[in-house]
Amino acid sequence: MYEKYKKAAKLVDDIKQGQSIPTPAQIAGYNKVGLALEKARFMRKYVEAIRVERAGRDIHGRRFFLKGA
């Protein structure tokens, strides 16, 4: 699981650094269905990577770094 969420974290970081997330103005300018679908798939992949990273970090933290009451 650790490897999986680290891989997802790297993907999220790469996307953030590359500034490949389309702006609302860019989205409004899409006039071809194919381009819009391509960007939608890209954003779904990005959101899924965030979900995997967040869930993995949460599980990892609860399992190995429990805090005493």
N, C-alpha and C. Protein backbone atom coordinates (compact mmCIF):
# COMPACT_ATOMS: atom_id res chain seq x y z
N MET A 1 0.82 -1.18 0.00
CA MET A 1 0.00 0.00 0.00
C MET A 1 0.87 1.25 0.00
N TYR A 2 1.97 1.20 0.74
CA TYR A 2 2.87 2.35 0.82
C TYR A 2 3.33 2.76 -0.58
N GLU A 3 3.77 1.77 -1.36
CA GLU A 3 4.24 2.05 -2.72
C GLU A 3 3.13 2.67 -3.57
N LYS A 4 1.92 2.16 -3.41
CA LYS A 4 0.80 2.64 -4.22
C LYS A 4 0.51 4.12 -3.92
N TYR A 5 0.47 4.51 -2.65
CA TYR A 5 0.15 5.90 -2.37
C TYR A 5 1.33 6.82 -2.64
N LYS A 6 2.54 6.32 -2.55
CA LYS A 6 3.70 7.14 -2.92
C LYS A 6 3.71 7.39 -4.42
N LYS A 7 3.35 6.39 -5.21
CA LYS A 7 3.27 6.54 -6.66
C LYS A 7 2.18 7.57 -7.01
N ALA A 8 1.05 7.49 -6.33
CA ALA A 8 -0.04 8.46 -6.55
C ALA A 8 0.41 9.86 -6.15
N ALA A 9 1.15 9.97 -5.05
CA ALA A 9 1.64 11.28 -4.61
C ALA A 9 2.59 11.88 -5.64
N LYS A 10 3.42 11.05 -6.24
CA LYS A 10 4.34 11.54 -7.27
C LYS A 10 3.56 12.04 -8.48
N LEU A 11 2.52 11.32 -8.87
CA LEU A 11 1.70 11.75 -10.00
C LEU A 11 1.05 13.10 -9.71
N VAL A 12 0.51 13.27 -8.51
CA VAL A 12 -0.11 14.54 -8.13
C VAL A 12 0.92 15.67 -8.15
N ASP A 13 2.10 15.42 -7.61
CA ASP A 13 3.15 16.44 -7.61
C ASP A 13 3.57 16.81 -9.03
N ASP A 14 3.71 15.81 -9.88
CA ASP A 14 4.09 16.07 -11.28
C ASP A 14 3.06 16.94 -11.99
N ILE A 15 1.80 16.65 -11.74
CA ILE A 15 0.73 17.42 -12.38
C ILE A 15 0.73 18.85 -11.85
N LYS A 16 0.89 19.02 -10.54
CA LYS A 16 0.92 20.36 -9.96
C LYS A 16 2.07 21.19 -10.50
N GLN A 17 3.26 20.59 -10.63
CA GLN A 17 4.43 21.32 -11.11
C GLN A 17 4.31 21.65 -12.59
N GLY A 18 3.65 20.79 -13.34
CA GLY A 18 3.52 21.01 -14.77
C GLY A 18 2.40 21.98 -15.12
N GLN A 19 1.60 22.34 -14.14
CA GLN A 19 0.48 23.25 -14.37
C GLN A 19 -0.40 22.77 -15.51
N SER A 20 -0.67 21.47 -15.59
CA SER A 20 -1.48 20.93 -16.67
C SER A 20 -2.97 20.93 -16.36
N ILE A 21 -3.35 21.43 -15.20
CA ILE A 21 -4.76 21.49 -14.86
C ILE A 21 -5.38 22.66 -15.63
N PRO A 22 -6.40 22.41 -16.42
CA PRO A 22 -6.98 23.49 -17.22
C PRO A 22 -7.71 24.52 -16.36
N THR A 23 -7.60 25.76 -16.75
CA THR A 23 -8.30 26.84 -16.06
C THR A 23 -9.74 26.90 -16.55
N PRO A 24 -10.62 27.55 -15.81
CA PRO A 24 -12.01 27.69 -16.28
C PRO A 24 -12.10 28.37 -17.66
N ALA A 25 -11.23 29.32 -17.93
CA ALA A 25 -11.24 30.00 -19.23
C ALA A 25 -10.86 29.02 -20.35
N GLN A 26 -9.89 28.15 -20.08
CA GLN A 26 -9.49 27.16 -21.07
C GLN A 26 -10.62 26.17 -21.33
N ILE A 27 -11.27 25.76 -20.26
CA ILE A 27 -12.39 24.81 -20.39
C ILE A 27 -13.49 25.42 -21.24
N ALA A 28 -13.79 26.69 -21.00
CA ALA A 28 -14.84 27.37 -21.77
C ALA A 28 -14.48 27.46 -23.25
N GLY A 29 -13.18 27.46 -23.56
CA GLY A 29 -12.73 27.58 -24.94
C GLY A 29 -12.71 26.28 -25.72
N TYR A 30 -12.95 25.16 -25.05
CA TYR A 30 -12.94 23.88 -25.76
C TYR A 30 -14.13 23.82 -26.70
N ASN A 31 -13.85 23.60 -27.97
CA ASN A 31 -14.94 23.54 -28.94
C ASN A 31 -15.03 22.19 -29.64
N LYS A 32 -14.20 21.25 -29.20
CA LYS A 32 -14.25 19.90 -29.77
C LYS A 32 -14.53 18.91 -28.66
N VAL A 33 -15.41 17.99 -28.92
CA VAL A 33 -15.81 17.00 -27.92
C VAL A 33 -14.61 16.13 -27.52
N GLY A 34 -13.80 15.75 -28.48
CA GLY A 34 -12.65 14.89 -28.21
C GLY A 34 -11.68 15.53 -27.22
N LEU A 35 -11.42 16.81 -27.40
CA LEU A 35 -10.51 17.52 -26.50
C LEU A 35 -11.11 17.61 -25.10
N ALA A 36 -12.39 17.91 -25.01
CA ALA A 36 -13.05 17.99 -23.71
C ALA A 36 -13.02 16.64 -23.00
N LEU A 37 -13.26 15.56 -23.72
CA LEU A 37 -13.21 14.22 -23.12
C LEU A 37 -11.81 13.86 -22.66
N GLU A 38 -10.82 14.23 -23.45
CA GLU A 38 -9.43 13.96 -23.08
C GLU A 38 -9.08 14.67 -21.77
N LYS A 39 -9.46 15.93 -21.65
CA LYS A 39 -9.18 16.69 -20.43
C LYS A 39 -9.97 16.13 -19.25
N ALA A 40 -11.21 15.68 -19.51
CA ALA A 40 -12.02 15.09 -18.43
C ALA A 40 -11.36 13.81 -17.92
N ARG A 41 -10.84 12.99 -18.81
CA ARG A 41 -10.13 11.76 -18.40
C ARG A 41 -8.90 12.10 -17.58
N PHE A 42 -8.18 13.12 -18.02
CA PHE A 42 -6.98 13.57 -17.31
C PHE A 42 -7.35 14.01 -15.89
N MET A 43 -8.40 14.81 -15.76
CA MET A 43 -8.80 15.31 -14.44
C MET A 43 -9.31 14.17 -13.56
N ARG A 44 -9.99 13.20 -14.14
CA ARG A 44 -10.43 12.04 -13.36
C ARG A 44 -9.23 11.28 -12.82
N LYS A 45 -8.20 11.11 -13.64
CA LYS A 45 -6.98 10.43 -13.20
C LYS A 45 -6.32 11.21 -12.05
N TYR A 46 -6.30 12.53 -12.17
CA TYR A 46 -5.72 13.39 -11.14
C TYR A 46 -6.48 13.26 -9.82
N VAL A 47 -7.80 13.34 -9.89
CA VAL A 47 -8.63 13.24 -8.68
C VAL A 47 -8.50 11.86 -8.05
N GLU A 48 -8.44 10.82 -8.87
CA GLU A 48 -8.28 9.46 -8.36
C GLU A 48 -6.93 9.31 -7.65
N ALA A 49 -5.88 9.91 -8.20
CA ALA A 49 -4.56 9.86 -7.56
C ALA A 49 -4.59 10.55 -6.20
N ILE A 50 -5.29 11.66 -6.11
CA ILE A 50 -5.42 12.36 -4.82
C ILE A 50 -6.16 11.47 -3.82
N ARG A 51 -7.23 10.81 -4.28
CA ARG A 51 -8.00 9.93 -3.40
C ARG A 51 -7.15 8.77 -2.89
N VAL A 52 -6.38 8.15 -3.78
CA VAL A 52 -5.52 7.02 -3.40
C VAL A 52 -4.46 7.48 -2.40
N GLU A 53 -3.85 8.62 -2.67
CA GLU A 53 -2.82 9.14 -1.76
C GLU A 53 -3.41 9.44 -0.39
N ARG A 54 -4.53 10.11 -0.36
CA ARG A 54 -5.13 10.50 0.92
C ARG A 54 -5.54 9.27 1.73
N ALA A 55 -6.20 8.32 1.10
CA ALA A 55 -6.63 7.11 1.80
C ALA A 55 -5.42 6.31 2.28
N GLY A 56 -4.41 6.19 1.43
CA GLY A 56 -3.21 5.43 1.81
C GLY A 56 -2.47 6.06 2.97
N ARG A 57 -2.34 7.36 2.94
CA ARG A 57 -1.66 8.06 4.06
C ARG A 57 -2.46 7.91 5.35
N ASP A 58 -3.77 7.98 5.25
CA ASP A 58 -4.62 7.85 6.43
C ASP A 58 -4.47 6.46 7.05
N ILE A 59 -4.57 5.43 6.23
CA ILE A 59 -4.44 4.05 6.72
C ILE A 59 -3.05 3.81 7.29
N HIS A 60 -2.05 4.27 6.59
CA HIS A 60 -0.66 4.10 7.03
C HIS A 60 -0.44 4.80 8.37
N GLY A 61 -0.94 6.01 8.49
CA GLY A 61 -0.78 6.76 9.73
C GLY A 61 -1.48 6.12 10.91
N ARG A 62 -2.70 5.64 10.68
CA ARG A 62 -3.44 4.99 11.78
C ARG A 62 -2.78 3.68 12.19
N ARG A 63 -2.22 2.99 11.23
CA ARG A 63 -1.64 1.67 11.53
C ARG A 63 -0.30 1.79 12.27
N PHE A 64 0.55 2.72 11.86
CA PHE A 64 1.90 2.75 12.40
C PHE A 64 2.19 3.91 13.34
N PHE A 65 1.32 4.88 13.41
CA PHE A 65 1.61 6.04 14.24
C PHE A 65 0.44 6.36 15.16
N LEU A 66 -0.06 5.33 15.83
CA LEU A 66 -1.17 5.53 16.76
C LEU A 66 -0.72 6.38 17.93
N LYS A 67 -1.58 7.27 18.35
CA LYS A 67 -1.27 8.13 19.51
C LYS A 67 -2.01 7.60 20.72
N GLY A 68 -1.32 7.60 21.82
CA GLY A 68 -1.93 7.12 23.07
C GLY A 68 -2.94 8.12 23.60
N ALA A 69 -3.91 7.61 24.30
CA ALA A 69 -4.96 8.48 24.83
C ALA A 69 -4.56 9.12 26.13
